[in-house]
Amino acid sequence: MKINANASGTRTIEVNEVQLQIIRKYSLLDRIANSMGIIDEDSLNKLRLTVRSLIASQTMASKELLELCMVLYHEDMKALGLNNLAKLYTEWLNKKVASEAEEKNNAEQENN
């Protein structure tokens, strides 16, 4: 999956399923927008600092967080890229939750 890093769409950042799962596991994009609902450079810096703090405090989980750093510290990552990452994550999460609910329903039907 790719996200646009600039308005013209000439710069993109590759995002994979594992990175989206890491975002979900650590709830990294929850409340990322400021009080006005805007994702800006400060939001990106805050997220980067949060990930760095998690890496510093967790030696075992740092490998997966380093995987996410490939996106967050990409040279083209700016506020627009983070906004597009948040949109991609929301779409991915909605599909994931719907898929998990469907699997649960199918399993329950098989048991009955």
N, C-alpha and C. Protein backbone atom coordinates (compact mmCIF):
# COMPACT_ATOMS: atom_id res chain seq x y z
N MET A 1 0.84 -1.17 0.00
CA MET A 1 0.00 0.00 0.00
C MET A 1 0.89 1.23 0.00
N LYS A 2 0.44 2.25 -0.68
CA LYS A 2 1.21 3.49 -0.74
C LYS A 2 0.34 4.65 -0.30
N ILE A 3 0.99 5.62 0.35
CA ILE A 3 0.32 6.85 0.70
C ILE A 3 1.03 8.00 -0.01
N ASN A 4 0.27 9.01 -0.38
CA ASN A 4 0.87 10.20 -0.99
C ASN A 4 1.53 11.03 0.10
N ALA A 5 2.74 11.49 -0.21
CA ALA A 5 3.47 12.31 0.75
C ALA A 5 3.39 13.79 0.41
N ASN A 6 2.90 14.10 -0.80
CA ASN A 6 2.72 15.50 -1.17
C ASN A 6 1.41 15.65 -1.93
N ALA A 7 0.98 16.89 -2.08
CA ALA A 7 -0.33 17.16 -2.68
C ALA A 7 -0.41 16.75 -4.14
N SER A 8 0.71 16.84 -4.87
CA SER A 8 0.68 16.50 -6.29
C SER A 8 0.72 14.99 -6.53
N GLY A 9 1.05 14.22 -5.50
CA GLY A 9 1.09 12.77 -5.64
C GLY A 9 2.36 12.24 -6.29
N THR A 10 3.38 13.08 -6.40
CA THR A 10 4.63 12.64 -7.03
C THR A 10 5.55 11.91 -6.06
N ARG A 11 5.29 12.06 -4.77
CA ARG A 11 6.09 11.38 -3.75
C ARG A 11 5.17 10.47 -2.95
N THR A 12 5.58 9.22 -2.83
CA THR A 12 4.78 8.25 -2.09
C THR A 12 5.65 7.54 -1.06
N ILE A 13 4.97 6.98 -0.07
CA ILE A 13 5.63 6.20 0.98
C ILE A 13 4.94 4.86 1.04
N GLU A 14 5.72 3.80 1.01
CA GLU A 14 5.19 2.44 1.07
C GLU A 14 4.85 2.09 2.52
N VAL A 15 3.65 1.56 2.71
CA VAL A 15 3.19 1.13 4.03
C VAL A 15 2.72 -0.30 3.89
N ASN A 16 3.15 -1.17 4.82
CA ASN A 16 2.73 -2.57 4.72
C ASN A 16 1.79 -2.95 5.87
N GLU A 17 1.26 -4.13 5.76
CA GLU A 17 0.29 -4.66 6.74
C GLU A 17 0.90 -4.72 8.14
N VAL A 18 2.15 -5.11 8.24
CA VAL A 18 2.81 -5.23 9.54
C VAL A 18 2.87 -3.86 10.23
N GLN A 19 3.19 -2.84 9.47
CA GLN A 19 3.27 -1.50 10.05
C GLN A 19 1.90 -1.03 10.54
N LEU A 20 0.86 -1.35 9.81
CA LEU A 20 -0.49 -0.99 10.25
C LEU A 20 -0.87 -1.76 11.51
N GLN A 21 -0.46 -3.01 11.60
CA GLN A 21 -0.73 -3.80 12.80
C GLN A 21 0.01 -3.23 14.01
N ILE A 22 1.21 -2.72 13.80
CA ILE A 22 1.98 -2.11 14.89
C ILE A 22 1.27 -0.85 15.38
N ILE A 23 0.77 -0.06 14.43
CA ILE A 23 0.03 1.15 14.80
C ILE A 23 -1.18 0.76 15.65
N ARG A 24 -1.85 -0.31 15.25
CA ARG A 24 -3.03 -0.77 16.01
C ARG A 24 -2.61 -1.28 17.39
N LYS A 25 -1.58 -2.09 17.44
CA LYS A 25 -1.14 -2.69 18.70
C LYS A 25 -0.83 -1.63 19.76
N TYR A 26 -0.18 -0.56 19.35
CA TYR A 26 0.23 0.48 20.29
C TYR A 26 -0.73 1.68 20.30
N SER A 27 -1.81 1.62 19.53
CA SER A 27 -2.79 2.71 19.43
C SER A 27 -2.12 4.05 19.15
N LEU A 28 -1.21 4.03 18.20
CA LEU A 28 -0.38 5.21 17.96
C LEU A 28 -1.10 6.36 17.28
N LEU A 29 -2.15 6.08 16.55
CA LEU A 29 -2.85 7.16 15.86
C LEU A 29 -4.11 7.62 16.59
N ASP A 30 -4.39 7.02 17.73
CA ASP A 30 -5.51 7.48 18.55
C ASP A 30 -5.18 8.88 19.07
N ARG A 31 -6.08 9.79 18.86
CA ARG A 31 -5.92 11.17 19.33
C ARG A 31 -4.66 11.85 18.79
N ILE A 32 -4.27 11.52 17.55
CA ILE A 32 -3.08 12.14 16.96
C ILE A 32 -3.36 13.56 16.51
N ALA A 33 -4.61 13.84 16.14
CA ALA A 33 -4.97 15.19 15.70
C ALA A 33 -4.99 16.13 16.90
N ASN A 34 -4.74 17.41 16.62
CA ASN A 34 -4.76 18.39 17.70
C ASN A 34 -6.21 18.69 18.10
N SER A 35 -6.41 19.62 19.00
CA SER A 35 -7.74 19.91 19.51
C SER A 35 -8.69 20.43 18.44
N MET A 36 -8.15 20.91 17.34
CA MET A 36 -8.97 21.40 16.23
C MET A 36 -9.25 20.31 15.21
N GLY A 37 -8.73 19.10 15.46
CA GLY A 37 -8.93 18.00 14.53
C GLY A 37 -7.97 18.01 13.36
N ILE A 38 -6.88 18.74 13.49
CA ILE A 38 -5.91 18.89 12.41
C ILE A 38 -4.65 18.09 12.72
N ILE A 39 -4.15 17.40 11.70
CA ILE A 39 -2.87 16.71 11.82
C ILE A 39 -1.83 17.60 11.16
N ASP A 40 -0.87 18.05 11.94
CA ASP A 40 0.15 18.96 11.42
C ASP A 40 1.55 18.44 11.76
N GLU A 41 2.55 19.25 11.50
CA GLU A 41 3.94 18.84 11.77
C GLU A 41 4.16 18.54 13.25
N ASP A 42 3.49 19.28 14.13
CA ASP A 42 3.61 19.00 15.57
C ASP A 42 3.08 17.61 15.89
N SER A 43 2.00 17.20 15.20
CA SER A 43 1.44 15.86 15.40
C SER A 43 2.46 14.80 14.99
N LEU A 44 3.13 15.04 13.87
CA LEU A 44 4.15 14.11 13.39
C LEU A 44 5.30 14.03 14.38
N ASN A 45 5.76 15.16 14.86
CA ASN A 45 6.85 15.17 15.83
C ASN A 45 6.46 14.46 17.12
N LYS A 46 5.23 14.69 17.57
CA LYS A 46 4.73 14.02 18.77
C LYS A 46 4.71 12.50 18.59
N LEU A 47 4.25 12.05 17.44
CA LEU A 47 4.22 10.62 17.15
C LEU A 47 5.63 10.04 17.11
N ARG A 48 6.54 10.73 16.47
CA ARG A 48 7.94 10.26 16.41
C ARG A 48 8.53 10.15 17.81
N LEU A 49 8.28 11.14 18.65
CA LEU A 49 8.79 11.10 20.03
C LEU A 49 8.17 9.96 20.82
N THR A 50 6.89 9.71 20.61
CA THR A 50 6.22 8.61 21.28
C THR A 50 6.86 7.28 20.90
N VAL A 51 7.11 7.09 19.62
CA VAL A 51 7.72 5.84 19.15
C VAL A 51 9.14 5.71 19.70
N ARG A 52 9.88 6.80 19.70
CA ARG A 52 11.25 6.75 20.24
C ARG A 52 11.23 6.38 21.72
N SER A 53 10.28 6.93 22.45
CA SER A 53 10.16 6.60 23.88
C SER A 53 9.81 5.13 24.08
N LEU A 54 8.91 4.62 23.25
CA LEU A 54 8.55 3.20 23.34
C LEU A 54 9.75 2.31 23.04
N ILE A 55 10.52 2.68 22.05
CA ILE A 55 11.71 1.90 21.70
C ILE A 55 12.70 1.91 22.86
N ALA A 56 12.89 3.06 23.46
CA ALA A 56 13.85 3.18 24.57
C ALA A 56 13.41 2.38 25.79
N SER A 57 12.11 2.24 25.97
CA SER A 57 11.62 1.56 27.18
C SER A 57 11.38 0.07 26.99
N GLN A 58 11.38 -0.42 25.75
CA GLN A 58 11.08 -1.82 25.50
C GLN A 58 12.14 -2.45 24.61
N THR A 59 12.97 -3.25 25.17
CA THR A 59 14.01 -3.87 24.37
C THR A 59 13.48 -4.99 23.48
N MET A 60 12.48 -5.73 23.94
CA MET A 60 11.96 -6.86 23.17
C MET A 60 11.11 -6.41 21.98
N ALA A 61 10.32 -5.39 22.16
CA ALA A 61 9.39 -4.96 21.11
C ALA A 61 10.00 -3.92 20.17
N SER A 62 11.23 -3.54 20.41
CA SER A 62 11.79 -2.45 19.63
C SER A 62 11.97 -2.81 18.16
N LYS A 63 12.14 -4.09 17.83
CA LYS A 63 12.30 -4.47 16.43
C LYS A 63 11.07 -4.14 15.62
N GLU A 64 9.90 -4.41 16.17
CA GLU A 64 8.68 -4.10 15.43
C GLU A 64 8.46 -2.59 15.34
N LEU A 65 8.83 -1.87 16.37
CA LEU A 65 8.70 -0.42 16.32
C LEU A 65 9.67 0.19 15.33
N LEU A 66 10.84 -0.41 15.20
CA LEU A 66 11.80 0.06 14.20
C LEU A 66 11.24 -0.12 12.80
N GLU A 67 10.45 -1.15 12.61
CA GLU A 67 9.78 -1.36 11.32
C GLU A 67 8.88 -0.17 10.99
N LEU A 68 8.20 0.34 11.98
CA LEU A 68 7.32 1.49 11.77
C LEU A 68 8.12 2.77 11.52
N CYS A 69 9.30 2.85 12.08
CA CYS A 69 10.15 4.03 11.88
C CYS A 69 10.50 4.24 10.41
N MET A 70 10.49 3.16 9.64
CA MET A 70 10.77 3.28 8.21
C MET A 70 9.74 4.18 7.54
N VAL A 71 8.54 4.21 8.06
CA VAL A 71 7.49 5.09 7.53
C VAL A 71 7.58 6.46 8.18
N LEU A 72 7.63 6.49 9.50
CA LEU A 72 7.57 7.76 10.22
C LEU A 72 8.77 8.67 9.95
N TYR A 73 9.93 8.07 9.74
CA TYR A 73 11.14 8.86 9.51
C TYR A 73 11.54 8.89 8.04
N HIS A 74 10.63 8.48 7.17
CA HIS A 74 10.89 8.55 5.73
C HIS A 74 11.16 10.01 5.37
N GLU A 75 12.10 10.23 4.47
CA GLU A 75 12.49 11.61 4.14
C GLU A 75 11.34 12.45 3.59
N ASP A 76 10.34 11.82 3.01
CA ASP A 76 9.21 12.55 2.45
C ASP A 76 8.03 12.68 3.42
N MET A 77 8.13 12.09 4.60
CA MET A 77 7.01 12.14 5.55
C MET A 77 6.87 13.54 6.13
N LYS A 78 5.73 14.12 5.88
CA LYS A 78 5.36 15.42 6.42
C LYS A 78 3.94 15.30 6.96
N ALA A 79 3.34 16.41 7.30
CA ALA A 79 1.98 16.39 7.87
C ALA A 79 0.98 15.77 6.90
N LEU A 80 1.08 16.06 5.62
CA LEU A 80 0.16 15.49 4.64
C LEU A 80 0.31 13.97 4.59
N GLY A 81 1.53 13.50 4.63
CA GLY A 81 1.77 12.06 4.63
C GLY A 81 1.18 11.40 5.87
N LEU A 82 1.33 12.04 7.02
CA LEU A 82 0.75 11.50 8.26
C LEU A 82 -0.77 11.50 8.19
N ASN A 83 -1.33 12.55 7.62
CA ASN A 83 -2.78 12.61 7.45
C ASN A 83 -3.24 11.46 6.56
N ASN A 84 -2.52 11.21 5.47
CA ASN A 84 -2.87 10.11 4.57
C ASN A 84 -2.65 8.75 5.23
N LEU A 85 -1.62 8.65 6.07
CA LEU A 85 -1.41 7.42 6.83
C LEU A 85 -2.57 7.17 7.79
N ALA A 86 -3.04 8.22 8.43
CA ALA A 86 -4.18 8.09 9.35
C ALA A 86 -5.43 7.65 8.59
N LYS A 87 -5.65 8.18 7.40
CA LYS A 87 -6.80 7.78 6.59
C LYS A 87 -6.67 6.32 6.15
N LEU A 88 -5.47 5.93 5.70
CA LEU A 88 -5.24 4.55 5.30
C LEU A 88 -5.46 3.61 6.49
N TYR A 89 -4.94 3.99 7.65
CA TYR A 89 -5.10 3.17 8.84
C TYR A 89 -6.57 3.01 9.20
N THR A 90 -7.33 4.09 9.15
CA THR A 90 -8.76 4.03 9.47
C THR A 90 -9.50 3.10 8.53
N GLU A 91 -9.21 3.21 7.23
CA GLU A 91 -9.84 2.31 6.25
C GLU A 91 -9.44 0.86 6.51
N TRP A 92 -8.16 0.64 6.76
CA TRP A 92 -7.65 -0.71 7.02
C TRP A 92 -8.29 -1.28 8.28
N LEU A 93 -8.37 -0.47 9.33
CA LEU A 93 -8.93 -0.92 10.60
C LEU A 93 -10.41 -1.28 10.46
N ASN A 94 -11.15 -0.45 9.74
CA ASN A 94 -12.57 -0.74 9.53
C ASN A 94 -12.75 -2.07 8.81
N LYS A 95 -11.94 -2.32 7.79
CA LYS A 95 -12.02 -3.60 7.07
C LYS A 95 -11.61 -4.75 7.97
N LYS A 96 -10.58 -4.53 8.76
CA LYS A 96 -10.07 -5.57 9.66
C LYS A 96 -11.13 -5.94 10.71
N VAL A 97 -11.74 -4.94 11.30
CA VAL A 97 -12.76 -5.17 12.32
C VAL A 97 -13.96 -5.90 11.71
N ALA A 98 -14.38 -5.48 10.52
CA ALA A 98 -15.50 -6.13 9.84
C ALA A 98 -15.16 -7.58 9.52
N SER A 99 -13.94 -7.83 9.07
CA SER A 99 -13.49 -9.18 8.76
C SER A 99 -13.45 -10.06 10.01
N GLU A 100 -12.95 -9.50 11.10
CA GLU A 100 -12.89 -10.26 12.36
C GLU A 100 -14.29 -10.57 12.87
N ALA A 101 -15.21 -9.63 12.73
CA ALA A 101 -16.59 -9.86 13.17
C ALA A 101 -17.25 -10.94 12.31
N GLU A 102 -16.97 -10.91 11.01
CA GLU A 102 -17.53 -11.91 10.11
C GLU A 102 -16.98 -13.30 10.44
N GLU A 103 -15.68 -13.38 10.71
CA GLU A 103 -15.07 -14.66 11.08
C GLU A 103 -15.68 -15.19 12.38
N LYS A 104 -15.90 -14.29 13.33
CA LYS A 104 -16.48 -14.69 14.61
C LYS A 104 -17.90 -15.21 14.40
N ASN A 105 -18.68 -14.52 13.57
CA ASN A 105 -20.05 -14.96 13.28
C ASN A 105 -20.06 -16.32 12.59
N ASN A 106 -19.15 -16.51 11.64
CA ASN A 106 -19.06 -17.79 10.95
C ASN A 106 -18.68 -18.92 11.91
N ALA A 107 -17.76 -18.64 12.82
CA ALA A 107 -17.35 -19.65 13.80
C ALA A 107 -18.50 -20.00 14.74
N GLU A 108 -19.27 -18.99 15.13
CA GLU A 108 -20.41 -19.23 16.01
C GLU A 108 -21.48 -20.05 15.30
N GLN A 109 -21.68 -19.78 14.02
CA GLN A 109 -22.68 -20.53 13.25
C GLN A 109 -22.26 -21.98 13.07
N GLU A 110 -20.97 -22.20 12.88
CA GLU A 110 -20.47 -23.56 12.75
C GLU A 110 -20.63 -24.34 14.04
N ASN A 111 -20.50 -23.66 15.17
CA ASN A 111 -20.63 -24.32 16.48
C ASN A 111 -22.09 -24.64 16.82
N ASN A 112 -23.01 -23.94 16.19
CA ASN A 112 -24.44 -24.17 16.49
C ASN A 112 -25.01 -25.16 15.56
